[in-house]
Protein backbone atom coordinates (compact mmCIF):
# COMPACT_ATOMS: atom_id res chain seq x y z
CA MET A 1 -42.92 -60.86 106.06
CA GLU A 2 -44.66 -64.08 107.12
CA VAL A 3 -45.76 -62.51 110.40
CA ALA A 4 -47.05 -59.38 108.67
CA THR A 5 -49.01 -61.51 106.18
CA GLU A 6 -50.60 -63.46 109.04
CA ALA A 7 -51.54 -60.21 110.78
CA THR A 8 -53.12 -58.82 107.62
CA ARG A 9 -55.04 -62.04 106.95
CA SER A 10 -56.51 -61.89 110.44
CA LEU A 11 -58.03 -58.47 109.66
CA ARG A 12 -59.94 -59.58 106.54
CA GLY A 13 -63.66 -59.97 106.76
CA LEU A 14 -63.96 -58.31 110.16
CA SER A 15 -67.12 -56.71 111.47
CA LEU A 16 -67.92 -53.01 111.22
CA GLU A 17 -67.34 -52.70 114.97
CA LEU A 18 -63.84 -54.04 114.65
CA THR A 19 -63.16 -51.93 111.59
CA ALA A 20 -64.15 -48.85 113.59
CA ARG A 21 -61.59 -49.82 116.24
CA LEU A 22 -58.72 -50.16 113.73
CA PRO A 23 -57.26 -46.70 114.49
CA GLN A 24 -57.06 -47.71 118.15
CA LEU A 25 -55.38 -50.98 117.14
CA LEU A 26 -52.86 -49.22 114.89
CA GLU A 27 -52.00 -46.76 117.64
CA ALA A 28 -51.57 -49.68 120.04
CA MET A 29 -49.25 -51.42 117.58
CA ARG A 30 -47.20 -48.24 117.19
CA THR A 31 -46.91 -47.91 120.96
CA VAL A 32 -45.84 -51.51 121.42
CA GLY A 33 -43.13 -51.25 118.77
CA ALA A 34 -41.43 -48.21 120.32
CA GLY A 35 -38.23 -48.72 122.32
CA PHE A 36 -35.67 -51.49 122.72
CA ASP A 37 -35.53 -52.29 126.43
CA LEU A 38 -37.06 -55.75 126.90
CA HIS A 39 -38.61 -55.17 130.34
CA VAL A 40 -40.05 -51.80 129.29
CA THR A 41 -41.42 -53.42 126.13
CA LEU A 42 -43.15 -56.18 128.11
CA ASP A 43 -44.72 -53.66 130.51
CA ARG A 44 -45.91 -51.59 127.55
CA ILE A 45 -47.42 -54.65 125.82
CA ALA A 46 -49.39 -55.63 128.93
CA GLN A 47 -50.72 -52.11 129.46
CA THR A 48 -51.58 -51.58 125.78
CA ALA A 49 -53.38 -54.92 125.53
CA ALA A 50 -55.47 -54.09 128.62
CA GLU A 51 -56.44 -50.70 127.20
CA LEU A 52 -57.21 -52.17 123.77
CA ALA A 53 -59.54 -54.89 125.10
CA ASP A 54 -60.88 -52.75 127.97
CA ALA A 55 -59.58 -55.26 130.56
CA ARG A 56 -58.89 -54.51 134.21
CA TYR A 57 -55.86 -56.81 134.41
CA ALA A 58 -53.20 -58.03 131.97
CA ALA A 59 -50.19 -60.29 132.29
CA ILE A 60 -47.46 -61.84 130.16
CA GLY A 61 -46.14 -65.25 131.17
CA ILE A 62 -42.67 -65.88 129.74
CA ILE A 63 -41.96 -69.55 129.13
CA ASP A 64 -38.68 -70.93 130.52
CA ASP A 65 -35.94 -72.51 128.39
CA ALA A 66 -37.22 -76.02 129.11
CA GLY A 67 -40.72 -75.12 127.89
CA GLU A 68 -42.23 -76.59 131.07
CA GLY A 69 -43.08 -73.49 133.12
CA LEU A 70 -42.77 -69.74 133.46
CA SER A 71 -39.44 -67.98 134.01
CA ASP A 72 -41.04 -64.55 134.50
CA PHE A 73 -44.51 -63.06 134.96
CA VAL A 74 -45.18 -59.42 134.02
CA THR A 75 -48.45 -57.92 135.30
CA TYR A 76 -50.55 -54.81 134.74
CA GLY A 77 -53.40 -53.60 136.93
CA VAL A 78 -52.31 -55.46 140.06
CA SER A 79 -51.29 -52.97 142.75
CA PRO A 80 -48.10 -53.41 144.81
CA GLN A 81 -50.26 -54.11 147.87
CA GLU A 82 -52.16 -56.84 146.01
CA ARG A 83 -48.88 -58.39 144.80
CA GLU A 84 -47.67 -58.56 148.39
CA ARG A 85 -50.85 -60.33 149.46
CA ILE A 86 -50.53 -62.96 146.75
CA ALA A 87 -48.67 -65.92 148.19
CA ALA A 88 -46.66 -66.60 145.04
CA LEU A 89 -46.78 -65.69 141.37
CA PRO A 90 -47.76 -68.56 139.07
CA ASP A 91 -44.97 -70.84 137.88
CA GLY A 92 -46.93 -72.28 134.95
CA HIS A 93 -46.56 -75.90 136.02
CA THR A 94 -50.23 -76.38 136.88
CA GLY A 95 -53.65 -74.92 136.20
CA LEU A 96 -54.94 -73.02 133.20
CA LEU A 97 -51.67 -71.18 132.60
CA GLY A 98 -49.78 -74.47 132.53
CA ALA A 99 -52.28 -75.88 130.03
CA LEU A 100 -51.75 -72.88 127.73
CA ILE A 101 -47.98 -73.48 127.80
CA HIS A 102 -48.42 -77.02 126.48
CA ASP A 103 -51.29 -76.10 124.14
CA PRO A 104 -50.60 -72.51 123.00
CA LYS A 105 -53.89 -71.57 121.34
CA PRO A 106 -56.14 -68.51 121.69
CA LEU A 107 -58.63 -68.99 124.51
CA ARG A 108 -61.71 -66.96 125.53
CA LEU A 109 -63.69 -67.84 128.67
CA ALA A 110 -66.79 -66.34 130.27
CA ASP A 111 -65.74 -67.74 133.66
CA LEU A 112 -62.25 -69.14 134.05
CA ALA A 113 -63.22 -70.92 137.26
CA GLN A 114 -65.58 -73.16 135.26
CA ASP A 115 -62.79 -74.47 133.02
CA VAL A 116 -61.74 -77.99 134.01
CA ARG A 117 -58.10 -77.03 133.67
CA SER A 118 -58.37 -74.21 136.20
CA ALA A 119 -56.63 -74.71 139.55
CA GLY A 120 -58.21 -71.69 141.21
CA LEU A 121 -56.66 -68.43 142.37
CA PRO A 122 -54.07 -68.28 145.17
CA SER A 123 -54.77 -66.67 148.52
CA GLY A 124 -54.82 -62.87 148.40
CA HIS A 125 -55.40 -62.80 144.64
CA PRO A 126 -57.95 -60.22 143.35
CA PRO A 127 -61.15 -61.83 141.96
CA MET A 128 -61.06 -62.65 138.24
CA ARG A 129 -63.79 -64.19 136.09
CA THR A 130 -63.66 -63.38 132.37
CA PHE A 131 -60.49 -64.46 130.60
CA LEU A 132 -58.74 -63.99 127.25
CA GLY A 133 -55.40 -65.58 126.40
CA VAL A 134 -53.31 -65.60 123.22
CA PRO A 135 -49.80 -66.94 122.55
CA ILE A 136 -46.90 -64.64 121.68
CA ARG A 137 -44.48 -65.99 119.08
CA VAL A 138 -41.01 -64.59 118.47
CA GLN A 139 -39.37 -65.68 115.23
CA GLY A 140 -41.72 -68.64 115.00
CA GLN A 141 -41.02 -69.86 118.54
CA ILE A 142 -43.42 -69.59 121.48
CA PHE A 143 -42.11 -66.85 123.76
CA GLY A 144 -45.02 -66.79 126.19
CA ASN A 145 -48.71 -66.01 126.55
CA LEU A 146 -50.63 -62.77 126.91
CA TYR A 147 -53.47 -62.99 129.44
CA LEU A 148 -56.35 -60.53 129.94
CA THR A 149 -58.95 -60.80 132.70
CA GLU A 150 -61.97 -58.90 134.02
CA LYS A 151 -63.63 -57.12 131.11
CA ARG A 152 -64.74 -53.71 132.39
CA GLY A 153 -68.46 -53.22 132.75
CA GLY A 154 -69.01 -56.84 133.77
CA GLY A 155 -69.37 -58.21 130.23
CA GLU A 156 -67.43 -60.91 128.44
CA PHE A 157 -64.54 -60.49 126.03
CA SER A 158 -65.93 -60.47 122.48
CA GLU A 159 -64.73 -62.16 119.33
CA GLU A 160 -63.60 -58.71 118.16
CA ASP A 161 -61.51 -58.37 121.32
CA LEU A 162 -59.88 -61.70 120.51
CA HIS A 163 -59.06 -60.60 116.95
CA MET A 164 -57.62 -57.30 118.13
CA VAL A 165 -55.45 -58.92 120.81
CA ARG A 166 -54.20 -61.56 118.36
CA VAL A 167 -53.02 -58.85 115.98
CA LEU A 168 -51.44 -57.00 118.89
CA ALA A 169 -49.71 -60.22 120.03
CA THR A 170 -48.22 -60.56 116.54
CA GLU A 171 -46.80 -57.05 116.72
CA ALA A 172 -45.68 -57.77 120.29
CA GLY A 173 -43.70 -60.75 119.03
CA ILE A 174 -41.85 -58.53 116.58
CA ALA A 175 -41.18 -55.90 119.26
CA ILE A 176 -39.97 -58.52 121.73
CA GLY A 177 -37.71 -60.05 119.08
CA ASN A 178 -36.13 -56.66 118.38
CA ALA A 179 -35.73 -55.94 122.10
CA ARG A 180 -34.14 -59.34 122.68
CA VAL A 181 -31.63 -58.81 119.87
CA TYR A 182 -30.79 -55.37 121.21
CA ALA A 183 -30.45 -56.67 124.78
CA LEU A 184 -28.25 -59.55 123.64
CA THR A 185 -26.05 -57.17 121.64
CA ARG A 186 -25.65 -54.84 124.59
CA GLN A 187 -24.97 -57.77 126.88
CA ARG A 188 -22.31 -59.13 124.53
CA GLU A 189 -20.68 -55.70 124.35
CA ARG A 190 -20.54 -55.53 128.17
CA TRP A 191 -18.85 -58.93 128.42
CA ILE A 192 -16.36 -58.02 125.67
CA ASP A 193 -15.56 -54.72 127.39
CA GLY A 194 -15.17 -56.61 130.67
CA SER A 195 -12.75 -59.09 129.08
CA VAL A 196 -10.69 -56.22 127.68
CA ALA A 197 -10.69 -54.48 131.07
CA VAL A 198 -9.49 -57.67 132.81
CA THR A 199 -6.71 -58.25 130.29
CA THR A 200 -5.56 -54.63 130.48
CA GLU A 201 -5.61 -54.61 134.27
CA LEU A 202 -3.76 -57.89 134.59
CA LEU A 203 -1.02 -56.98 132.12
CA ALA A 204 -0.52 -53.59 133.81
CA GLY A 205 1.40 -55.31 136.60
CA GLY A 206 0.84 -56.52 140.13
CA ASP A 207 1.11 -59.92 141.74
CA MET A 208 -0.98 -63.00 140.98
CA ASP A 209 -3.22 -62.58 144.02
CA ASP A 210 -4.31 -59.14 142.79
CA ALA A 211 -4.80 -60.55 139.29
CA LEU A 212 -7.18 -63.23 140.58
CA ALA A 213 -9.07 -60.61 142.61
CA VAL A 214 -9.57 -58.53 139.46
CA VAL A 215 -11.01 -61.54 137.62
CA ALA A 216 -13.42 -62.26 140.50
CA GLU A 217 -14.60 -58.66 140.73
CA GLN A 218 -15.18 -58.23 137.00
CA ALA A 219 -17.00 -61.58 136.70
CA ARG A 220 -19.34 -60.66 139.54
CA LYS A 221 -20.19 -57.33 137.92
CA LEU A 222 -20.76 -58.75 134.43
CA ALA A 223 -22.81 -61.77 135.56
CA ASP A 224 -24.94 -59.66 137.91
CA SER A 225 -24.19 -62.23 140.59
CA ALA A 226 -23.95 -62.12 144.37
CA ALA A 227 -20.28 -63.07 144.28
CA GLY A 228 -17.34 -63.59 141.97
CA ILE A 229 -15.11 -66.43 143.15
CA VAL A 230 -11.82 -67.87 141.89
CA LEU A 231 -10.74 -71.35 142.97
CA LEU A 232 -7.33 -72.96 142.41
CA PRO A 233 -6.32 -76.63 142.71
CA ASP A 234 -5.00 -77.52 146.18
CA ASP A 235 -2.41 -80.06 147.28
CA GLU A 236 -5.05 -82.67 148.13
CA GLY A 237 -6.61 -82.86 144.68
CA GLY A 238 -9.57 -80.54 145.35
CA LEU A 239 -10.15 -76.82 144.85
CA GLU A 240 -9.71 -73.89 147.24
CA ILE A 241 -11.20 -70.39 147.05
CA VAL A 242 -8.29 -67.94 146.81
CA ALA A 243 -10.09 -64.78 145.63
CA ALA A 244 -13.63 -63.53 146.22
CA SER A 245 -15.65 -60.41 145.49
CA ALA A 246 -18.98 -60.23 147.38
CA ASP A 247 -21.21 -57.95 149.42
CA ASP A 248 -20.56 -60.25 152.39
CA PRO A 249 -17.19 -61.96 151.73
CA ALA A 250 -16.74 -63.27 155.28
CA GLY A 251 -16.16 -67.01 155.40
CA ILE A 252 -15.71 -67.42 151.64
CA LEU A 253 -11.91 -67.28 151.29
CA GLY A 254 -10.25 -70.57 152.11
CA THR A 255 -13.36 -72.68 151.52
CA ARG A 256 -12.44 -75.99 149.89
CA ILE A 257 -14.23 -78.27 147.45
CA PRO A 258 -12.90 -81.72 148.41
CA PRO A 259 -11.58 -84.04 145.68
CA GLU A 260 -14.43 -86.53 146.23
CA SER A 261 -16.98 -83.91 145.13
CA PRO A 262 -18.41 -84.63 141.65
CA VAL A 263 -18.24 -80.89 141.01
CA ALA A 264 -14.48 -80.82 141.62
CA GLU A 265 -13.99 -83.80 139.32
CA GLN A 266 -15.83 -82.08 136.46
CA LEU A 267 -14.12 -78.74 136.93
CA LEU A 268 -10.63 -80.18 137.11
CA ALA A 269 -11.42 -82.08 133.94
CA GLY A 270 -12.16 -78.75 132.25
CA GLU A 271 -15.96 -79.10 132.15
CA PRO A 272 -18.33 -76.28 133.18
CA VAL A 273 -20.94 -76.88 135.89
CA PHE A 274 -24.28 -75.05 135.96
CA VAL A 275 -26.44 -75.25 139.07
CA ASP A 276 -30.06 -74.09 139.36
CA ASP A 277 -29.98 -73.81 143.15
CA SER A 278 -26.74 -74.15 145.12
CA ALA A 279 -28.65 -74.45 148.40
CA SER A 280 -30.53 -77.61 147.37
CA ASP A 281 -28.25 -79.26 144.79
CA PRO A 282 -26.76 -82.41 146.41
CA ARG A 283 -23.49 -81.88 144.53
CA MET A 284 -22.85 -78.61 146.38
CA ILE A 285 -21.36 -79.78 149.67
CA THR A 286 -19.38 -76.71 150.77
CA PRO A 287 -20.50 -74.76 153.88
CA ILE A 288 -21.15 -71.61 151.81
CA ALA A 289 -23.45 -73.32 149.29
CA PRO A 290 -26.67 -72.61 151.28
CA ARG A 291 -26.02 -68.87 150.88
CA PHE A 292 -26.53 -68.96 147.10
CA GLY A 293 -29.00 -69.91 144.38
CA PRO A 294 -28.24 -70.27 140.65
CA SER A 295 -24.54 -70.62 139.94
CA MET A 296 -22.11 -70.94 137.05
CA MET A 297 -18.77 -72.69 137.68
CA LEU A 298 -16.48 -72.33 134.72
CA PRO A 299 -12.99 -73.80 134.27
CA LEU A 300 -10.20 -71.27 133.72
CA LYS A 301 -8.75 -73.23 130.85
CA SER A 302 -6.13 -72.23 128.28
CA ASP A 303 -4.45 -74.44 125.70
CA GLY A 304 -5.72 -77.60 127.39
CA ARG A 305 -4.39 -76.56 130.80
CA VAL A 306 -6.88 -76.03 133.65
CA LEU A 307 -5.60 -73.20 135.85
CA GLY A 308 -8.58 -73.09 138.19
CA THR A 309 -12.29 -72.26 138.29
CA LEU A 310 -14.38 -69.10 138.08
CA ALA A 311 -17.72 -69.22 139.95
CA THR A 312 -20.51 -66.62 139.80
CA PRO A 313 -23.33 -67.59 142.20
CA ARG A 314 -26.48 -65.47 142.50
CA HIS A 315 -28.61 -64.88 145.58
CA ARG A 316 -31.17 -67.51 146.58
CA GLY A 317 -34.39 -67.05 144.64
CA ALA A 318 -32.70 -65.02 141.88
CA ARG A 319 -33.45 -65.74 138.24
CA PRO A 320 -31.41 -68.54 136.64
CA PHE A 321 -28.70 -67.80 134.11
CA THR A 322 -29.86 -67.76 130.51
CA GLY A 323 -28.22 -69.70 127.72
CA ALA A 324 -26.71 -66.48 126.36
CA GLU A 325 -25.25 -65.61 129.78
CA ARG A 326 -23.72 -69.06 130.08
CA THR A 327 -22.09 -68.77 126.67
CA LEU A 328 -20.74 -65.28 127.32
CA ALA A 329 -19.45 -66.22 130.77
CA THR A 330 -17.68 -69.28 129.35
CA GLN A 331 -15.97 -67.09 126.76
CA PHE A 332 -15.02 -64.60 129.48
CA ALA A 333 -13.48 -67.38 131.58
CA ALA A 334 -11.42 -68.55 128.60
CA GLN A 335 -10.19 -65.01 127.97
CA ALA A 336 -9.40 -64.52 131.66
CA ALA A 337 -7.45 -67.79 131.71
CA LEU A 338 -5.42 -66.64 128.71
CA ALA A 339 -4.73 -63.33 130.43
CA LEU A 340 -3.58 -65.17 133.58
CA VAL A 341 -1.22 -67.30 131.47
CA LEU A 342 0.19 -64.12 129.92
CA VAL A 343 0.60 -62.57 133.38
CA ASP A 344 2.46 -65.66 134.56
CA ALA A 345 4.69 -65.56 131.49
CA GLN A 346 5.30 -61.85 132.02
CA ARG A 347 6.29 -62.50 135.64
CA ASP A 348 8.66 -65.26 134.50
CA ARG A 349 10.28 -62.85 132.02
CA GLU A 350 10.63 -60.19 134.71
CA ARG A 351 12.05 -62.74 137.14
CA LEU A 352 14.51 -63.91 134.49
CA ALA A 353 15.53 -60.31 133.83
CA VAL A 354 16.14 -59.82 137.57
CA PHE A 355 18.27 -62.97 137.76
CA GLU A 356 20.27 -61.86 134.70
CA ASP A 357 20.85 -58.46 136.32
CA ARG A 358 21.91 -60.14 139.53
CA ASP A 359 24.36 -62.34 137.64
CA ARG A 360 25.78 -59.30 135.85
CA ILE A 361 26.12 -57.37 139.12
CA ALA A 362 27.77 -60.38 140.77
CA ARG A 363 30.28 -60.66 137.91
CA ASP A 364 31.05 -56.95 138.03
CA LEU A 365 31.57 -57.07 141.78
CA HIS A 366 33.87 -60.07 141.49
CA ASP A 367 35.83 -59.05 138.40
CA LEU A 368 36.13 -55.33 139.03
CA VAL A 369 35.37 -54.19 142.56
CA ILE A 370 37.06 -57.00 144.48
CA GLN A 371 40.13 -56.89 142.23
CA ARG A 372 40.51 -53.16 142.75
CA LEU A 373 40.03 -53.45 146.50
CA PHE A 374 42.60 -56.27 146.59
CA ALA A 375 45.07 -54.16 144.60
CA THR A 376 44.47 -51.21 146.93
CA GLY A 377 45.16 -53.47 149.91
CA MET A 378 48.44 -54.63 148.37
CA MET A 379 49.49 -51.01 147.81
CA LEU A 380 48.69 -50.14 151.42
CA GLU A 381 50.66 -53.11 152.73
CA SER A 382 53.63 -52.00 150.65
CA ALA A 383 53.32 -48.49 152.05
CA GLN A 384 53.03 -49.90 155.57
CA ARG A 385 56.47 -51.60 155.26
CA LYS A 386 58.05 -48.29 154.27
CA ALA A 387 56.38 -46.20 156.93
CA VAL A 388 58.56 -45.12 159.91
CA VAL A 389 56.01 -43.23 162.00
CA PRO A 390 54.16 -45.68 164.34
CA GLU A 391 50.83 -43.81 164.03
CA VAL A 392 50.99 -44.04 160.23
CA THR A 393 51.84 -47.74 160.38
CA GLU A 394 48.89 -48.41 162.71
CA GLY A 395 46.49 -46.39 160.51
CA ILE A 396 47.52 -48.30 157.39
CA ARG A 397 47.09 -51.63 159.22
CA THR A 398 43.57 -50.61 160.27
CA ALA A 399 42.70 -49.60 156.69
CA VAL A 400 43.94 -52.94 155.36
CA ASP A 401 41.84 -54.81 157.93
CA GLU A 402 38.77 -52.80 156.90
CA LEU A 403 39.43 -53.64 153.26
CA ASP A 404 39.63 -57.35 154.12
CA VAL A 405 36.26 -57.13 155.92
CA THR A 406 34.75 -55.23 152.98
CA ILE A 407 36.01 -57.86 150.53
CA GLN A 408 34.43 -60.63 152.64
CA GLU A 409 31.12 -58.74 152.76
CA ILE A 410 31.11 -58.25 149.01
CA ARG A 411 31.83 -61.95 148.48
CA THR A 412 28.87 -62.76 150.75
CA ALA A 413 26.69 -60.42 148.67
CA ILE A 414 27.90 -62.08 145.46
CA PHE A 415 26.99 -65.49 146.85
CA ALA A 416 23.50 -64.21 147.79
CA LEU A 417 23.00 -62.70 144.33
CA GLN A 418 23.84 -66.03 142.69
CA GLN A 419 21.24 -67.97 144.71
CA GLY A 420 17.87 -68.86 143.16
CA PRO A 421 14.47 -68.22 144.75
CA VAL A 422 13.91 -69.85 148.10
CA GLU A 423 11.74 -72.93 147.56
CA ALA A 424 11.36 -74.12 151.13
CA PRO A 425 8.44 -72.56 153.01
CA SER A 426 9.49 -69.95 155.58
CA GLY A 427 7.84 -68.69 158.73
CA LEU A 428 5.69 -65.59 158.68
CA ARG A 429 8.38 -63.54 160.44
CA THR A 430 10.95 -64.47 157.78
CA ARG A 431 8.56 -63.69 154.94
CA VAL A 432 7.74 -60.27 156.41
CA LEU A 433 11.45 -59.49 156.78
CA ARG A 434 12.02 -60.63 153.20
CA GLU A 435 9.34 -58.23 151.94
CA ILE A 436 10.87 -55.41 153.97
CA GLY A 437 14.32 -56.20 152.57
CA THR A 438 12.97 -56.22 149.03
CA ALA A 439 11.26 -52.87 149.58
CA ALA A 440 14.43 -51.32 151.03
CA VAL A 441 16.08 -51.23 147.59
CA PRO A 442 13.63 -48.86 145.84
CA LEU A 443 12.98 -46.95 149.09
CA GLY A 444 16.68 -46.21 149.63
CA PHE A 445 16.49 -47.07 153.35
CA GLN A 446 15.63 -50.05 155.56
CA PRO A 447 12.18 -49.97 157.20
CA SER A 448 12.17 -51.12 160.82
CA ALA A 449 10.33 -54.29 161.87
CA HIS A 450 8.78 -55.25 165.20
CA PHE A 451 6.99 -58.51 166.08
CA VAL A 452 4.70 -59.11 169.05
CA GLY A 453 3.72 -62.61 170.19
CA PRO A 454 4.35 -65.99 168.57
CA VAL A 455 3.77 -64.79 165.00
CA ASP A 456 4.99 -67.96 163.28
CA SER A 457 2.97 -70.42 165.35
CA ARG A 458 -0.32 -68.51 165.86
CA VAL A 459 -1.08 -67.05 162.43
CA GLY A 460 -2.72 -69.51 160.01
CA GLU A 461 -1.51 -70.06 156.46
CA LEU A 462 -4.43 -68.31 154.74
CA THR A 463 -4.25 -65.24 156.98
CA GLY A 464 -0.46 -65.22 156.76
CA LYS A 465 -0.55 -65.32 152.98
CA ASN A 466 -2.89 -62.34 152.86
CA LEU A 467 -0.89 -60.49 155.52
CA ILE A 468 2.25 -60.80 153.37
CA ALA A 469 0.30 -59.42 150.41
CA ALA A 470 -0.89 -56.56 152.65
CA VAL A 471 2.72 -55.80 153.72
CA ARG A 472 3.75 -55.72 150.06
CA GLU A 473 0.83 -53.47 149.12
CA ALA A 474 1.42 -51.05 152.02
CA LEU A 475 5.17 -50.76 151.36
CA SER A 476 4.52 -50.32 147.65
CA ASN A 477 2.08 -47.49 148.40
CA ALA A 478 4.65 -45.85 150.68
CA PHE A 479 7.33 -46.04 147.98
CA ARG A 480 5.12 -44.76 145.15
CA HIS A 481 3.19 -42.03 146.94
CA ALA A 482 4.44 -41.20 150.44
CA GLN A 483 7.94 -39.73 149.83
CA ALA A 484 8.79 -41.14 153.25
CA THR A 485 12.17 -41.20 155.03
CA ARG A 486 11.09 -43.57 157.81
CA ILE A 487 8.75 -46.58 157.86
CA GLU A 488 7.87 -48.83 160.79
CA VAL A 489 6.28 -52.28 160.28
CA THR A 490 4.67 -54.02 163.25
CA VAL A 491 3.03 -57.47 163.31
CA ASP A 492 1.11 -58.24 166.50
CA ALA A 493 -0.32 -61.75 166.94
CA THR A 494 -1.82 -61.08 170.39
CA VAL A 495 -4.71 -58.74 169.53
CA THR A 496 -8.42 -59.30 170.11
CA LEU A 497 -10.69 -58.22 167.26
CA PRO A 498 -13.90 -56.19 167.83
CA ASP A 499 -16.01 -59.36 167.62
CA GLY A 500 -13.94 -60.99 170.38
CA ALA A 501 -11.97 -63.32 168.10
CA ASP A 502 -8.20 -63.74 168.36
CA GLY A 503 -6.48 -61.94 165.53
CA VAL A 504 -3.30 -60.53 164.05
CA ARG A 505 -2.72 -56.85 163.39
CA LEU A 506 -0.35 -55.38 160.81
CA SER A 507 0.67 -51.74 161.20
CA VAL A 508 2.70 -49.95 158.51
CA ALA A 509 3.44 -46.32 159.41
CA ASP A 510 5.49 -43.68 157.56
CA ASP A 511 6.43 -40.01 157.90
CA GLY A 512 5.57 -39.07 154.32
CA VAL A 513 3.15 -36.62 152.76
CA GLY A 514 0.00 -38.50 153.76
CA ILE A 515 -3.00 -39.32 151.60
CA PRO A 516 -4.07 -36.32 149.48
CA ALA A 517 -7.75 -35.39 149.29
CA GLY A 518 -9.32 -36.78 146.13
CA GLY A 519 -6.33 -39.05 145.46
CA ARG A 520 -6.56 -42.64 144.24
CA ARG A 521 -7.57 -45.22 146.82
CA SER A 522 -7.03 -48.43 144.81
CA GLY A 523 -4.25 -49.68 147.11
CA LEU A 524 -6.31 -49.02 150.23
CA LYS A 525 -9.31 -50.74 148.63
CA ASN A 526 -7.18 -53.81 147.91
CA LEU A 527 -6.09 -53.93 151.56
CA ALA A 528 -9.68 -53.59 152.78
CA ARG A 529 -10.92 -56.26 150.37
CA ARG A 530 -8.35 -58.78 151.60
CA ALA A 531 -9.15 -58.11 155.24
CA GLU A 532 -12.94 -58.21 154.81
CA ALA A 533 -12.75 -61.49 152.90
CA LEU A 534 -11.17 -63.01 156.01
CA GLY A 535 -13.63 -61.37 158.40
CA GLY A 536 -11.28 -58.53 159.38
CA SER A 537 -10.86 -54.87 158.49
CA SER A 538 -8.36 -52.29 157.21
CA THR A 539 -8.17 -48.63 158.26
CA TYR A 540 -5.71 -45.78 158.02
CA GLY A 541 -4.83 -42.70 160.08
CA PRO A 542 -2.04 -40.29 161.11
CA GLY A 543 1.54 -41.39 160.54
CA LEU A 544 4.97 -41.03 162.21
CA GLY A 545 5.78 -37.48 161.16
CA GLU A 546 5.60 -34.37 163.27
CA GLY A 547 1.99 -33.57 164.14
CA GLY A 548 0.83 -36.91 162.71
CA ALA A 549 2.22 -36.31 159.23
CA GLY A 550 2.32 -39.35 157.00
CA THR A 551 0.07 -42.39 157.08
CA ARG A 552 -0.46 -45.40 159.32
CA VAL A 553 -2.24 -48.36 157.73
CA ILE A 554 -3.75 -50.87 160.17
CA TRP A 555 -4.74 -54.25 158.71
CA GLU A 556 -6.19 -56.97 160.93
CA ALA A 557 -7.81 -60.36 160.46
CA PRO A 558 -8.67 -63.48 162.48
CA LEU A 559 -5.82 -65.89 163.12
């Protein structure tokens, strides 16, 4: 109401010329107020203002959050070729535009070059002489300034032009306010939907590595950033990147933030870190920092416990994150942390259920199976003493010996079932065999394993960790989709990658039904993402079956 009153007051006592132009003004106000997209609204305001005041050029300078310069500059009338020739768009820190930021008042000039505050036009800029500028207020706060230059016909902007543009700027403020509310609402909905998607995906199952990859991918998409990165505390008191989603993920995984970094100290204390330019900020000391610009680093914190950090860096030169984006991203990180805690708790419950089943099976084997086998052995020994035919006596003795061996094997299995998880780190070969053994239970048969080269000594920890996850993913895909009767797993630590680097190659081949056309590819995408993050690749082709039936997955990465 206050804004409308001000607009009405500005129309009182106007000249006949201005009164005659009121229909044009009303139509311009109607045009400006249509639509909710902020960028479209700004373009429409600039064009409408130029048409209303008969100006060749128009621009809107949007003031940054600090109120010291311009965060964006929307133009009308400047061709793409002219924009390319201009060295740089104004930042609002100097010159006439900077003066209008600090003193937002209507301004009309016959020759802007004659104003003492003018800093001149940059190289390649089209010539501009006459000037008209008015502030745009949104909900009482300065949003930016509307600039018009080069009155057509060579004349100056009139007082009537100034009145008309002021009224239009008032309506523009209302339209911008509505567009900003709409944009913020839509943005909040996207982040909420993203949080729900992450929680649903994480609780659907899968291991922790896949869960962290989901968080990184969703964060990147929602923040419109160049990468989504998850870091976890390492043994030395710093942070290590364990999951990354990026157009160019090579070299990101495994990067460490050392404990002496002030960034690591803040993050591990549960405090967010916001960086305007990762490439130039002295706190950013990692080798990948020069690749990025604005960045948010948010602690994954739940119930006072810091699980890790979520980072969403943008490309160099990209726009900084707004206050609303920072708030929404912080809330997303908190929700993701809670989901990760729930996933961990769910895994603990599943692990406990497995141990309880193993205890039950061990008891049943000991109390029932072994006792019955022992009783059967006693009966056979009794029969052996009564037998008179030598062949029968020898056959019974052989059966008793086999029962003794079977009882010993069952006791060994009982002992294995009663053992807890292996805590001591194992070599890569052992871990691969353990995954194959675990997969043999649901598969109903034992996949074969073949190792080439010094697998344990050549393959690094980061690559080995991801190779184990790839083995698990490939065997899981074979069990769920392949209907295979034979699987061969090969780990070769002697290969040379296409770029000439030493690498390791994992091959998992089966004789199943193959990959159907149009089928889901989520498992294959996970394998490719892991390999690419390490600088490797993942492909698939014909399998072990007759005529190439089945599937062969080949996963390789640098050592």
